[in-house]
Amino acid sequence: MYEQVYSAIKKAILNGEIEEGAPLPSIRTLAKDLQISVITTKRAYDELERDGFIDSVQGKGSFVAYQNPERLKEAGICIIEEKITEAIDEAKRLKITQKEFLEIIKLLFDEE
């Protein structure tokens, strides 16, 4: 369960939905809002802090960390890799060849 909380907050940070320096809900408040344990919420916050997405200040709370652009790019690449892996798995299930798959990617990429 903590992975879901971690992923949701990380995604919101990477997408800019939560701005740098913005305060996050307290661990207790988020746990209550999501109806999960405080331990689960704390674990998600600890992981986010360890990975550099948030900073926690004793007695003040947790805040979105100011991000290094290279770190943001690397995190974004990881998300893209996960999604592409899912798409590849689905393509294989549908018996789409690598050539066909790459053509689809090229067409979609060139649209923008």
PDB file of N, CA and C in Angstrom:
ATOM      1  N   MET A   1       0.812  -1.193   0.000  1.00  0.00           N
ATOM      2  CA  MET A   1       0.000   0.000   0.000  1.00  0.00           C
ATOM      3  C   MET A   1       0.866   1.273   0.000  1.00  0.00           C
ATOM      4  N   TYR A   2       1.993   1.234   0.731  1.00  0.00           N
ATOM      5  CA  TYR A   2       2.832   2.434   0.768  1.00  0.00           C
ATOM      6  C   TYR A   2       3.359   2.767  -0.626  1.00  0.00           C
ATOM      7  N   GLU A   3       3.538   1.721  -1.475  1.00  0.00           N
ATOM      8  CA  GLU A   3       4.025   1.967  -2.832  1.00  0.00           C
ATOM      9  C   GLU A   3       3.036   2.819  -3.618  1.00  0.00           C
ATOM     10  N   GLN A   4       1.736   2.607  -3.383  1.00  0.00           N
ATOM     11  CA  GLN A   4       0.715   3.387  -4.082  1.00  0.00           C
ATOM     12  C   GLN A   4       0.769   4.849  -3.650  1.00  0.00           C
ATOM     13  N   VAL A   5       0.930   5.076  -2.352  1.00  0.00           N
ATOM     14  CA  VAL A   5       1.036   6.445  -1.838  1.00  0.00           C
ATOM     15  C   VAL A   5       2.304   7.095  -2.393  1.00  0.00           C
ATOM     16  N   TYR A   6       3.412   6.364  -2.322  1.00  0.00           N
ATOM     17  CA  TYR A   6       4.695   6.845  -2.842  1.00  0.00           C
ATOM     18  C   TYR A   6       4.553   7.225  -4.318  1.00  0.00           C
ATOM     19  N   SER A   7       3.999   6.317  -5.119  1.00  0.00           N
ATOM     20  CA  SER A   7       3.876   6.546  -6.565  1.00  0.00           C
ATOM     21  C   SER A   7       2.973   7.727  -6.879  1.00  0.00           C
ATOM     22  N   ALA A   8       1.867   7.852  -6.154  1.00  0.00           N
ATOM     23  CA  ALA A   8       0.925   8.941  -6.416  1.00  0.00           C
ATOM     24  C   ALA A   8       1.561  10.299  -6.121  1.00  0.00           C
ATOM     25  N   ILE A   9       2.268  10.395  -5.001  1.00  0.00           N
ATOM     26  CA  ILE A   9       2.908  11.666  -4.654  1.00  0.00           C
ATOM     27  C   ILE A   9       4.058  11.958  -5.607  1.00  0.00           C
ATOM     28  N   LYS A  10       4.858  10.954  -5.921  1.00  0.00           N
ATOM     29  CA  LYS A  10       5.980  11.131  -6.849  1.00  0.00           C
ATOM     30  C   LYS A  10       5.467  11.605  -8.210  1.00  0.00           C
ATOM     31  N   LYS A  11       4.412  10.975  -8.700  1.00  0.00           N
ATOM     32  CA  LYS A  11       3.839  11.350  -9.996  1.00  0.00           C
ATOM     33  C   LYS A  11       3.343  12.796  -9.964  1.00  0.00           C
ATOM     34  N   ALA A  12       2.667  13.171  -8.877  1.00  0.00           N
ATOM     35  CA  ALA A  12       2.156  14.539  -8.756  1.00  0.00           C
ATOM     36  C   ALA A  12       3.302  15.551  -8.740  1.00  0.00           C
ATOM     37  N   ILE A  13       4.412  15.191  -8.103  1.00  0.00           N
ATOM     38  CA  ILE A  13       5.580  16.077  -8.075  1.00  0.00           C
ATOM     39  C   ILE A  13       6.186  16.192  -9.470  1.00  0.00           C
ATOM     40  N   LEU A  14       6.390  15.054 -10.129  1.00  0.00           N
ATOM     41  CA  LEU A  14       7.013  15.062 -11.458  1.00  0.00           C
ATOM     42  C   LEU A  14       6.147  15.758 -12.497  1.00  0.00           C
ATOM     43  N   ASN A  15       4.819  15.660 -12.350  1.00  0.00           N
ATOM     44  CA  ASN A  15       3.906  16.304 -13.295  1.00  0.00           C
ATOM     45  C   ASN A  15       3.694  17.781 -12.985  1.00  0.00           C
ATOM     46  N   GLY A  16       4.260  18.251 -11.878  1.00  0.00           N
ATOM     47  CA  GLY A  16       4.097  19.648 -11.501  1.00  0.00           C
ATOM     48  C   GLY A  16       2.778  19.950 -10.830  1.00  0.00           C
ATOM     49  N   GLU A  17       2.020  18.909 -10.477  1.00  0.00           N
ATOM     50  CA  GLU A  17       0.744  19.119  -9.785  1.00  0.00           C
ATOM     51  C   GLU A  17       0.975  19.647  -8.371  1.00  0.00           C
ATOM     52  N   ILE A  18       2.103  19.267  -7.780  1.00  0.00           N
ATOM     53  CA  ILE A  18       2.514  19.799  -6.483  1.00  0.00           C
ATOM     54  C   ILE A  18       3.829  20.535  -6.738  1.00  0.00           C
ATOM     55  N   GLU A  19       3.850  21.812  -6.457  1.00  0.00           N
ATOM     56  CA  GLU A  19       5.018  22.637  -6.779  1.00  0.00           C
ATOM     57  C   GLU A  19       6.146  22.458  -5.774  1.00  0.00           C
ATOM     58  N   GLU A  20       7.349  22.763  -6.225  1.00  0.00           N
ATOM     59  CA  GLU A  20       8.517  22.727  -5.351  1.00  0.00           C
ATOM     60  C   GLU A  20       8.292  23.647  -4.155  1.00  0.00           C
ATOM     61  N   GLY A  21       8.644  23.159  -2.977  1.00  0.00           N
ATOM     62  CA  GLY A  21       8.490  23.941  -1.760  1.00  0.00           C
ATOM     63  C   GLY A  21       7.115  23.852  -1.126  1.00  0.00           C
ATOM     64  N   ALA A  22       6.156  23.273  -1.833  1.00  0.00           N
ATOM     65  CA  ALA A  22       4.791  23.170  -1.306  1.00  0.00           C
ATOM     66  C   ALA A  22       4.743  22.185  -0.134  1.00  0.00           C
ATOM     67  N   PRO A  23       3.950  22.523   0.881  1.00  0.00           N
ATOM     68  CA  PRO A  23       3.825  21.599   2.009  1.00  0.00           C
ATOM     69  C   PRO A  23       2.947  20.407   1.636  1.00  0.00           C
ATOM     70  N   LEU A  24       3.294  19.261   2.191  1.00  0.00           N
ATOM     71  CA  LEU A  24       2.466  18.069   2.036  1.00  0.00           C
ATOM     72  C   LEU A  24       1.607  17.930   3.284  1.00  0.00           C
ATOM     73  N   PRO A  25       0.499  17.198   3.184  1.00  0.00           N
ATOM     74  CA  PRO A  25      -0.304  16.970   4.393  1.00  0.00           C
ATOM     75  C   PRO A  25       0.544  16.250   5.446  1.00  0.00           C
ATOM     76  N   SER A  26       0.212  16.466   6.706  1.00  0.00           N
ATOM     77  CA  SER A  26       0.928  15.742   7.754  1.00  0.00           C
ATOM     78  C   SER A  26       0.691  14.245   7.566  1.00  0.00           C
ATOM     79  N   ILE A  27       1.577  13.462   8.126  1.00  0.00           N
ATOM     80  CA  ILE A  27       1.454  12.005   8.017  1.00  0.00           C
ATOM     81  C   ILE A  27       0.107  11.549   8.568  1.00  0.00           C
ATOM     82  N   ARG A  28      -0.279  12.080   9.720  1.00  0.00           N
ATOM     83  CA  ARG A  28      -1.558  11.689  10.337  1.00  0.00           C
ATOM     84  C   ARG A  28      -2.755  12.106   9.484  1.00  0.00           C
ATOM     85  N   THR A  29      -2.698  13.327   8.954  1.00  0.00           N
ATOM     86  CA  THR A  29      -3.806  13.818   8.121  1.00  0.00           C
ATOM     87  C   THR A  29      -3.969  12.968   6.867  1.00  0.00           C
ATOM     88  N   LEU A  30      -2.856  12.685   6.188  1.00  0.00           N
ATOM     89  CA  LEU A  30      -2.931  11.880   4.970  1.00  0.00           C
ATOM     90  C   LEU A  30      -3.424  10.473   5.278  1.00  0.00           C
ATOM     91  N   ALA A  31      -2.929   9.900   6.368  1.00  0.00           N
ATOM     92  CA  ALA A  31      -3.371   8.555   6.760  1.00  0.00           C
ATOM     93  C   ALA A  31      -4.874   8.543   7.006  1.00  0.00           C
ATOM     94  N   LYS A  32      -5.367   9.564   7.694  1.00  0.00           N
ATOM     95  CA  LYS A  32      -6.806   9.648   7.975  1.00  0.00           C
ATOM     96  C   LYS A  32      -7.600   9.825   6.678  1.00  0.00           C
ATOM     97  N   ASP A  33      -7.133  10.738   5.805  1.00  0.00           N
ATOM     98  CA  ASP A  33      -7.833  10.998   4.541  1.00  0.00           C
ATOM     99  C   ASP A  33      -7.897   9.756   3.655  1.00  0.00           C
ATOM    100  N   LEU A  34      -6.805   8.988   3.631  1.00  0.00           N
ATOM    101  CA  LEU A  34      -6.741   7.796   2.775  1.00  0.00           C
ATOM    102  C   LEU A  34      -7.230   6.535   3.482  1.00  0.00           C
ATOM    103  N   GLN A  35      -7.537   6.678   4.767  1.00  0.00           N
ATOM    104  CA  GLN A  35      -7.982   5.549   5.588  1.00  0.00           C
ATOM    105  C   GLN A  35      -6.962   4.414   5.567  1.00  0.00           C
ATOM    106  N   ILE A  36      -5.705   4.811   5.806  1.00  0.00           N
ATOM    107  CA  ILE A  36      -4.615   3.843   5.907  1.00  0.00           C
ATOM    108  C   ILE A  36      -3.868   4.117   7.208  1.00  0.00           C
ATOM    109  N   SER A  37      -2.962   3.237   7.558  1.00  0.00           N
ATOM    110  CA  SER A  37      -2.245   3.412   8.821  1.00  0.00           C
ATOM    111  C   SER A  37      -1.198   4.518   8.721  1.00  0.00           C
ATOM    112  N   VAL A  38      -0.897   5.095   9.876  1.00  0.00           N
ATOM    113  CA  VAL A  38       0.144   6.106   9.967  1.00  0.00           C
ATOM    114  C   VAL A  38       1.487   5.497   9.566  1.00  0.00           C
ATOM    115  N   ILE A  39       1.705   4.239   9.918  1.00  0.00           N
ATOM    116  CA  ILE A  39       2.958   3.554   9.584  1.00  0.00           C
ATOM    117  C   ILE A  39       3.140   3.476   8.069  1.00  0.00           C
ATOM    118  N   THR A  40       2.071   3.157   7.354  1.00  0.00           N
ATOM    119  CA  THR A  40       2.122   3.074   5.888  1.00  0.00           C
ATOM    120  C   THR A  40       2.465   4.438   5.290  1.00  0.00           C
ATOM    121  N   THR A  41       1.806   5.472   5.792  1.00  0.00           N
ATOM    122  CA  THR A  41       2.051   6.824   5.297  1.00  0.00           C
ATOM    123  C   THR A  41       3.480   7.262   5.603  1.00  0.00           C
ATOM    124  N   LYS A  42       3.940   6.982   6.811  1.00  0.00           N
ATOM    125  CA  LYS A  42       5.309   7.351   7.191  1.00  0.00           C
ATOM    126  C   LYS A  42       6.327   6.650   6.307  1.00  0.00           C
ATOM    127  N   ARG A  43       6.075   5.401   5.999  1.00  0.00           N
ATOM    128  CA  ARG A  43       7.008   4.663   5.135  1.00  0.00           C
ATOM    129  C   ARG A  43       7.082   5.313   3.750  1.00  0.00           C
ATOM    130  N   ALA A  44       5.921   5.697   3.199  1.00  0.00           N
ATOM    131  CA  ALA A  44       5.904   6.359   1.886  1.00  0.00           C
ATOM    132  C   ALA A  44       6.684   7.675   1.949  1.00  0.00           C
ATOM    133  N   TYR A  45       6.458   8.478   2.998  1.00  0.00           N
ATOM    134  CA  TYR A  45       7.169   9.747   3.148  1.00  0.00           C
ATOM    135  C   TYR A  45       8.670   9.507   3.305  1.00  0.00           C
ATOM    136  N   ASP A  46       9.039   8.499   4.096  1.00  0.00           N
ATOM    137  CA  ASP A  46      10.462   8.179   4.279  1.00  0.00           C
ATOM    138  C   ASP A  46      11.126   7.826   2.947  1.00  0.00           C
ATOM    139  N   GLU A  47      10.427   7.030   2.125  1.00  0.00           N
ATOM    140  CA  GLU A  47      10.963   6.643   0.810  1.00  0.00           C
ATOM    141  C   GLU A  47      11.083   7.869  -0.103  1.00  0.00           C
ATOM    142  N   LEU A  48      10.076   8.734  -0.071  1.00  0.00           N
ATOM    143  CA  LEU A  48      10.111   9.950  -0.891  1.00  0.00           C
ATOM    144  C   LEU A  48      11.269  10.855  -0.470  1.00  0.00           C
ATOM    145  N   GLU A  49      11.502  10.925   0.835  1.00  0.00           N
ATOM    146  CA  GLU A  49      12.623  11.737   1.318  1.00  0.00           C
ATOM    147  C   GLU A  49      13.954  11.101   0.923  1.00  0.00           C
ATOM    148  N   ARG A  50      14.058   9.795   1.090  1.00  0.00           N
ATOM    149  CA  ARG A  50      15.285   9.084   0.722  1.00  0.00           C
ATOM    150  C   ARG A  50      15.620   9.288  -0.752  1.00  0.00           C
ATOM    151  N   ASP A  51      14.581   9.300  -1.604  1.00  0.00           N
ATOM    152  CA  ASP A  51      14.786   9.441  -3.044  1.00  0.00           C
ATOM    153  C   ASP A  51      14.887  10.901  -3.495  1.00  0.00           C
ATOM    154  N   GLY A  52      14.815  11.836  -2.548  1.00  0.00           N
ATOM    155  CA  GLY A  52      15.034  13.241  -2.862  1.00  0.00           C
ATOM    156  C   GLY A  52      13.829  14.003  -3.371  1.00  0.00           C
ATOM    157  N   PHE A  53      12.632  13.446  -3.216  1.00  0.00           N
ATOM    158  CA  PHE A  53      11.438  14.136  -3.707  1.00  0.00           C
ATOM    159  C   PHE A  53      10.834  15.077  -2.672  1.00  0.00           C
ATOM    160  N   ILE A  54      11.045  14.779  -1.388  1.00  0.00           N
ATOM    161  CA  ILE A  54      10.533  15.654  -0.343  1.00  0.00           C
ATOM    162  C   ILE A  54      11.620  15.883   0.705  1.00  0.00           C
ATOM    163  N   ASP A  55      11.439  16.968   1.465  1.00  0.00           N
ATOM    164  CA  ASP A  55      12.283  17.260   2.621  1.00  0.00           C
ATOM    165  C   ASP A  55      11.365  17.319   3.830  1.00  0.00           C
ATOM    166  N   SER A  56      11.786  16.718   4.920  1.00  0.00           N
ATOM    167  CA  SER A  56      11.008  16.766   6.156  1.00  0.00           C
ATOM    168  C   SER A  56      11.758  17.603   7.173  1.00  0.00           C
ATOM    169  N   VAL A  57      11.027  18.505   7.824  1.00  0.00           N
ATOM    170  CA  VAL A  57      11.601  19.377   8.836  1.00  0.00           C
ATOM    171  C   VAL A  57      10.901  19.071  10.153  1.00  0.00           C
ATOM    172  N   GLN A  58      11.684  18.656  11.145  1.00  0.00           N
ATOM    173  CA  GLN A  58      11.131  18.297  12.446  1.00  0.00           C
ATOM    174  C   GLN A  58      10.265  19.436  12.981  1.00  0.00           C
ATOM    175  N   GLY A  59       9.026  19.127  13.330  1.00  0.00           N
ATOM    176  CA  GLY A  59       8.121  20.107  13.904  1.00  0.00           C
ATOM    177  C   GLY A  59       7.435  21.012  12.898  1.00  0.00           C
ATOM    178  N   LYS A  60       7.842  20.954  11.630  1.00  0.00           N
ATOM    179  CA  LYS A  60       7.235  21.824  10.611  1.00  0.00           C
ATOM    180  C   LYS A  60       6.500  21.044   9.538  1.00  0.00           C
ATOM    181  N   GLY A  61       6.924  19.814   9.273  1.00  0.00           N
ATOM    182  CA  GLY A  61       6.248  18.995   8.279  1.00  0.00           C
ATOM    183  C   GLY A  61       7.134  18.614   7.114  1.00  0.00           C
ATOM    184  N   SER A  62       6.489  18.141   6.069  1.00  0.00           N
ATOM    185  CA  SER A  62       7.192  17.691   4.863  1.00  0.00           C
ATOM    186  C   SER A  62       6.841  18.607   3.701  1.00  0.00           C
ATOM    187  N   PHE A  63       7.840  18.866   2.876  1.00  0.00           N
ATOM    188  CA  PHE A  63       7.693  19.791   1.757  1.00  0.00           C
ATOM    189  C   PHE A  63       8.296  19.172   0.502  1.00  0.00           C
ATOM    190  N   VAL A  64       7.761  19.558  -0.647  1.00  0.00           N
ATOM    191  CA  VAL A  64       8.320  19.083  -1.911  1.00  0.00           C
ATOM    192  C   VAL A  64       9.711  19.683  -2.052  1.00  0.00           C
ATOM    193  N   ALA A  65      10.690  18.834  -2.313  1.00  0.00           N
ATOM    194  CA  ALA A  65      12.080  19.274  -2.443  1.00  0.00           C
ATOM    195  C   ALA A  65      12.270  20.041  -3.745  1.00  0.00           C
ATOM    196  N   TYR A  66      13.217  20.964  -3.720  1.00  0.00           N
ATOM    197  CA  TYR A  66      13.598  21.652  -4.951  1.00  0.00           C
ATOM    198  C   TYR A  66      14.404  20.660  -5.771  1.00  0.00           C
ATOM    199  N   GLN A  67      14.001  20.462  -7.011  1.00  0.00           N
ATOM    200  CA  GLN A  67      14.526  19.371  -7.820  1.00  0.00           C
ATOM    201  C   GLN A  67      15.647  19.813  -8.756  1.00  0.00           C
ATOM    202  N   ASN A  68      16.604  18.957  -8.884  1.00  0.00           N
ATOM    203  CA  ASN A  68      17.671  19.100  -9.860  1.00  0.00           C
ATOM    204  C   ASN A  68      17.082  18.684 -11.213  1.00  0.00           C
ATOM    205  N   PRO A  69      17.195  19.515 -12.261  1.00  0.00           N
ATOM    206  CA  PRO A  69      16.607  19.162 -13.561  1.00  0.00           C
ATOM    207  C   PRO A  69      17.059  17.801 -14.100  1.00  0.00           C
ATOM    208  N   GLU A  70      18.323  17.448 -13.882  1.00  0.00           N
ATOM    209  CA  GLU A  70      18.808  16.140 -14.354  1.00  0.00           C
ATOM    210  C   GLU A  70      18.109  15.007 -13.616  1.00  0.00           C
ATOM    211  N   ARG A  71      17.904  15.195 -12.325  1.00  0.00           N
ATOM    212  CA  ARG A  71      17.219  14.180 -11.514  1.00  0.00           C
ATOM    213  C   ARG A  71      15.769  14.016 -11.990  1.00  0.00           C
ATOM    214  N   LEU A  72      15.122  15.144 -12.280  1.00  0.00           N
ATOM    215  CA  LEU A  72      13.747  15.087 -12.785  1.00  0.00           C
ATOM    216  C   LEU A  72      13.690  14.350 -14.115  1.00  0.00           C
ATOM    217  N   LYS A  73      14.652  14.635 -14.984  1.00  0.00           N
ATOM    218  CA  LYS A  73      14.685  13.971 -16.289  1.00  0.00           C
ATOM    219  C   LYS A  73      14.865  12.471 -16.107  1.00  0.00           C
ATOM    220  N   GLU A  74      15.782  12.074 -15.231  1.00  0.00           N
ATOM    221  CA  GLU A  74      16.034  10.652 -14.984  1.00  0.00           C
ATOM    222  C   GLU A  74      14.788   9.967 -14.424  1.00  0.00           C
ATOM    223  N   ALA A  75      14.107  10.637 -13.501  1.00  0.00           N
ATOM    224  CA  ALA A  75      12.880  10.065 -12.937  1.00  0.00           C
ATOM    225  C   ALA A  75      11.813   9.936 -14.023  1.00  0.00           C
ATOM    226  N   GLY A  76      11.729  10.930 -14.900  1.00  0.00           N
ATOM    227  CA  GLY A  76      10.776  10.870 -16.003  1.00  0.00           C
ATOM    228  C   GLY A  76      11.084   9.735 -16.958  1.00  0.00           C
ATOM    229  N   ILE A  77      12.362   9.517 -17.220  1.00  0.00           N
ATOM    230  CA  ILE A  77      12.770   8.415 -18.096  1.00  0.00           C
ATOM    231  C   ILE A  77      12.356   7.078 -17.488  1.00  0.00           C
ATOM    232  N   CYS A  78      12.500   6.940 -16.185  1.00  0.00           N
ATOM    233  CA  CYS A  78      12.090   5.691 -15.516  1.00  0.00           C
ATOM    234  C   CYS A  78      10.597   5.444 -15.695  1.00  0.00           C
ATOM    235  N   ILE A  79       9.803   6.499 -15.573  1.00  0.00           N
ATOM    236  CA  ILE A  79       8.352   6.362 -15.755  1.00  0.00           C
ATOM    237  C   ILE A  79       8.043   5.952 -17.193  1.00  0.00           C
ATOM    238  N   ILE A  80       8.712   6.587 -18.157  1.00  0.00           N
ATOM    239  CA  ILE A  80       8.503   6.247 -19.568  1.00  0.00           C
ATOM    240  C   ILE A  80       8.889   4.799 -19.833  1.00  0.00           C
ATOM    241  N   GLU A  81      10.010   4.353 -19.262  1.00  0.00           N
ATOM    242  CA  GLU A  81      10.441   2.962 -19.449  1.00  0.00           C
ATOM    243  C   GLU A  81       9.386   1.981 -18.939  1.00  0.00           C
ATOM    244  N   GLU A  82       8.787   2.298 -17.781  1.00  0.00           N
ATOM    245  CA  GLU A  82       7.738   1.426 -17.238  1.00  0.00           C
ATOM    246  C   GLU A  82       6.552   1.341 -18.196  1.00  0.00           C
ATOM    247  N   LYS A  83       6.133   2.496 -18.713  1.00  0.00           N
ATOM    248  CA  LYS A  83       4.973   2.525 -19.611  1.00  0.00           C
ATOM    249  C   LYS A  83       5.276   1.830 -20.934  1.00  0.00           C
ATOM    250  N   ILE A  84       6.485   2.023 -21.452  1.00  0.00           N
ATOM    251  CA  ILE A  84       6.859   1.360 -22.704  1.00  0.00           C
ATOM    252  C   ILE A  84       6.920  -0.147 -22.498  1.00  0.00           C
ATOM    253  N   THR A  85       7.427  -0.573 -21.349  1.00  0.00           N
ATOM    254  CA  THR A  85       7.472  -2.008 -21.051  1.00  0.00           C
ATOM    255  C   THR A  85       6.067  -2.594 -21.047  1.00  0.00           C
ATOM    256  N   GLU A  86       5.123  -1.881 -20.451  1.00  0.00           N
ATOM    257  CA  GLU A  86       3.727  -2.335 -20.458  1.00  0.00           C
ATOM    258  C   GLU A  86       3.200  -2.412 -21.894  1.00  0.00           C
ATOM    259  N   ALA A  87       3.516  -1.402 -22.706  1.00  0.00           N
ATOM    260  CA  ALA A  87       3.060  -1.380 -24.096  1.00  0.00           C
ATOM    261  C   ALA A  87       3.685  -2.520 -24.896  1.00  0.00           C
ATOM    262  N   ILE A  88       4.957  -2.803 -24.644  1.00  0.00           N
ATOM    263  CA  ILE A  88       5.627  -3.916 -25.333  1.00  0.00           C
ATOM    264  C   ILE A  88       4.974  -5.238 -24.963  1.00  0.00           C
ATOM    265  N   ASP A  89       4.700  -5.420 -23.681  1.00  0.00           N
ATOM    266  CA  ASP A  89       4.036  -6.652 -23.239  1.00  0.00           C
ATOM    267  C   ASP A  89       2.690  -6.828 -23.935  1.00  0.00           C
ATOM    268  N   GLU A  90       1.939  -5.744 -24.046  1.00  0.00           N
ATOM    269  CA  GLU A  90       0.634  -5.803 -24.713  1.00  0.00           C
ATOM    270  C   GLU A  90       0.809  -6.073 -26.205  1.00  0.00           C
ATOM    271  N   ALA A  91       1.806  -5.444 -26.825  1.00  0.00           N
ATOM    272  CA  ALA A  91       2.071  -5.668 -28.251  1.00  0.00           C
ATOM    273  C   ALA A  91       2.425  -7.129 -28.508  1.00  0.00           C
ATOM    274  N   LYS A  92       3.252  -7.695 -27.653  1.00  0.00           N
ATOM    275  CA  LYS A  92       3.621  -9.107 -27.805  1.00  0.00           C
ATOM    276  C   LYS A  92       2.399 -10.003 -27.653  1.00  0.00           C
ATOM    277  N   ARG A  93       1.545  -9.646 -26.697  1.00  0.00           N
ATOM    278  CA  ARG A  93       0.322 -10.431 -26.488  1.00  0.00           C
ATOM    279  C   ARG A  93      -0.553 -10.410 -27.745  1.00  0.00           C
ATOM    280  N   LEU A  94      -0.547  -9.270 -28.434  1.00  0.00           N
ATOM    281  CA  LEU A  94      -1.352  -9.112 -29.647  1.00  0.00           C
ATOM    282  C   LEU A  94      -0.605  -9.535 -30.907  1.00  0.00           C
ATOM    283  N   LYS A  95       0.616 -10.058 -30.719  1.00  0.00           N
ATOM    284  CA  LYS A  95       1.445 -10.543 -31.824  1.00  0.00           C
ATOM    285  C   LYS A  95       1.817  -9.424 -32.802  1.00  0.00           C
ATOM    286  N   ILE A  96       2.048  -8.233 -32.264  1.00  0.00           N
ATOM    287  CA  ILE A  96       2.535  -7.111 -33.063  1.00  0.00           C
ATOM    288  C   ILE A  96       4.053  -7.237 -33.133  1.00  0.00           C
ATOM    289  N   THR A  97       4.594  -7.154 -34.331  1.00  0.00           N
ATOM    290  CA  THR A  97       6.047  -7.315 -34.496  1.00  0.00           C
ATOM    291  C   THR A  97       6.784  -6.081 -33.976  1.00  0.00           C
ATOM    292  N   GLN A  98       8.087  -6.267 -33.770  1.00  0.00           N
ATOM    293  CA  GLN A  98       8.913  -5.151 -33.317  1.00  0.00           C
ATOM    294  C   GLN A  98       8.882  -4.024 -34.346  1.00  0.00           C
ATOM    295  N   LYS A  99       8.943  -4.385 -35.624  1.00  0.00           N
ATOM    296  CA  LYS A  99       8.916  -3.383 -36.688  1.00  0.00           C
ATOM    297  C   LYS A  99       7.605  -2.593 -36.640  1.00  0.00           C
ATOM    298  N   GLU A 100       6.478  -3.296 -36.498  1.00  0.00           N
ATOM    299  CA  GLU A 100       5.178  -2.625 -36.425  1.00  0.00           C
ATOM    300  C   GLU A 100       5.110  -1.718 -35.192  1.00  0.00           C
ATOM    301  N   PHE A 101       5.616  -2.226 -34.084  1.00  0.00           N
ATOM    302  CA  PHE A 101       5.600  -1.460 -32.839  1.00  0.00           C
ATOM    303  C   PHE A 101       6.405  -0.169 -32.984  1.00  0.00           C
ATOM    304  N   LEU A 102       7.603  -0.284 -33.562  1.00  0.00           N
ATOM    305  CA  LEU A 102       8.451   0.893 -33.742  1.00  0.00           C
ATOM    306  C   LEU A 102       7.829   1.894 -34.718  1.00  0.00           C
ATOM    307  N   GLU A 103       7.112   1.392 -35.728  1.00  0.00           N
ATOM    308  CA  GLU A 103       6.413   2.284 -36.660  1.00  0.00           C
ATOM    309  C   GLU A 103       5.335   3.071 -35.923  1.00  0.00           C
ATOM    310  N   ILE A 104       4.618   2.398 -35.041  1.00  0.00           N
ATOM    311  CA  ILE A 104       3.579   3.066 -34.247  1.00  0.00           C
ATOM    312  C   ILE A 104       4.207   4.159 -33.387  1.00  0.00           C
ATOM    313  N   ILE A 105       5.304   3.818 -32.722  1.00  0.00           N
ATOM    314  CA  ILE A 105       5.997   4.791 -31.866  1.00  0.00           C
ATOM    315  C   ILE A 105       6.447   5.997 -32.686  1.00  0.00           C
ATOM    316  N   LYS A 106       7.047   5.740 -33.854  1.00  0.00           N
ATOM    317  CA  LYS A 106       7.536   6.831 -34.697  1.00  0.00           C
ATOM    318  C   LYS A 106       6.384   7.726 -35.147  1.00  0.00           C
ATOM    319  N   LEU A 107       5.284   7.124 -35.578  1.00  0.00           N
ATOM    320  CA  LEU A 107       4.128   7.914 -36.008  1.00  0.00           C
ATOM    321  C   LEU A 107       3.600   8.786 -34.873  1.00  0.00           C
ATOM    322  N   LEU A 108       3.468   8.202 -33.700  1.00  0.00           N
ATOM    323  CA  LEU A 108       2.952   8.955 -32.559  1.00  0.00           C
ATOM    324  C   LEU A 108       3.923  10.046 -32.128  1.00  0.00           C
ATOM    325  N   PHE A 109       5.202   9.745 -32.153  1.00  0.00           N
ATOM    326  CA  PHE A 109       6.216  10.712 -31.738  1.00  0.00           C
ATOM    327  C   PHE A 109       6.266  11.886 -32.709  1.00  0.00           C
ATOM    328  N   ASP A 110       6.121  11.602 -33.999  1.00  0.00           N
ATOM    329  CA  ASP A 110       6.196  12.648 -35.022  1.00  0.00           C
ATOM    330  C   ASP A 110       4.942  13.516 -35.083  1.00  0.00           C
ATOM    331  N   GLU A 111       3.840  13.075 -34.459  1.00  0.00           N
ATOM    332  CA  GLU A 111       2.595  13.853 -34.471  1.00  0.00           C
ATOM    333  C   GLU A 111       2.762  15.198 -33.787  1.00  0.00           C
ATOM    334  N   GLU A 112       3.560  15.254 -32.786  1.00  0.00           N
ATOM    335  CA  GLU A 112       3.685  16.485 -31.986  1.00  0.00           C
ATOM    336  C   GLU A 112       4.615  17.445 -32.611  1.00  0.00           C
TER     337      GLU A 112
END
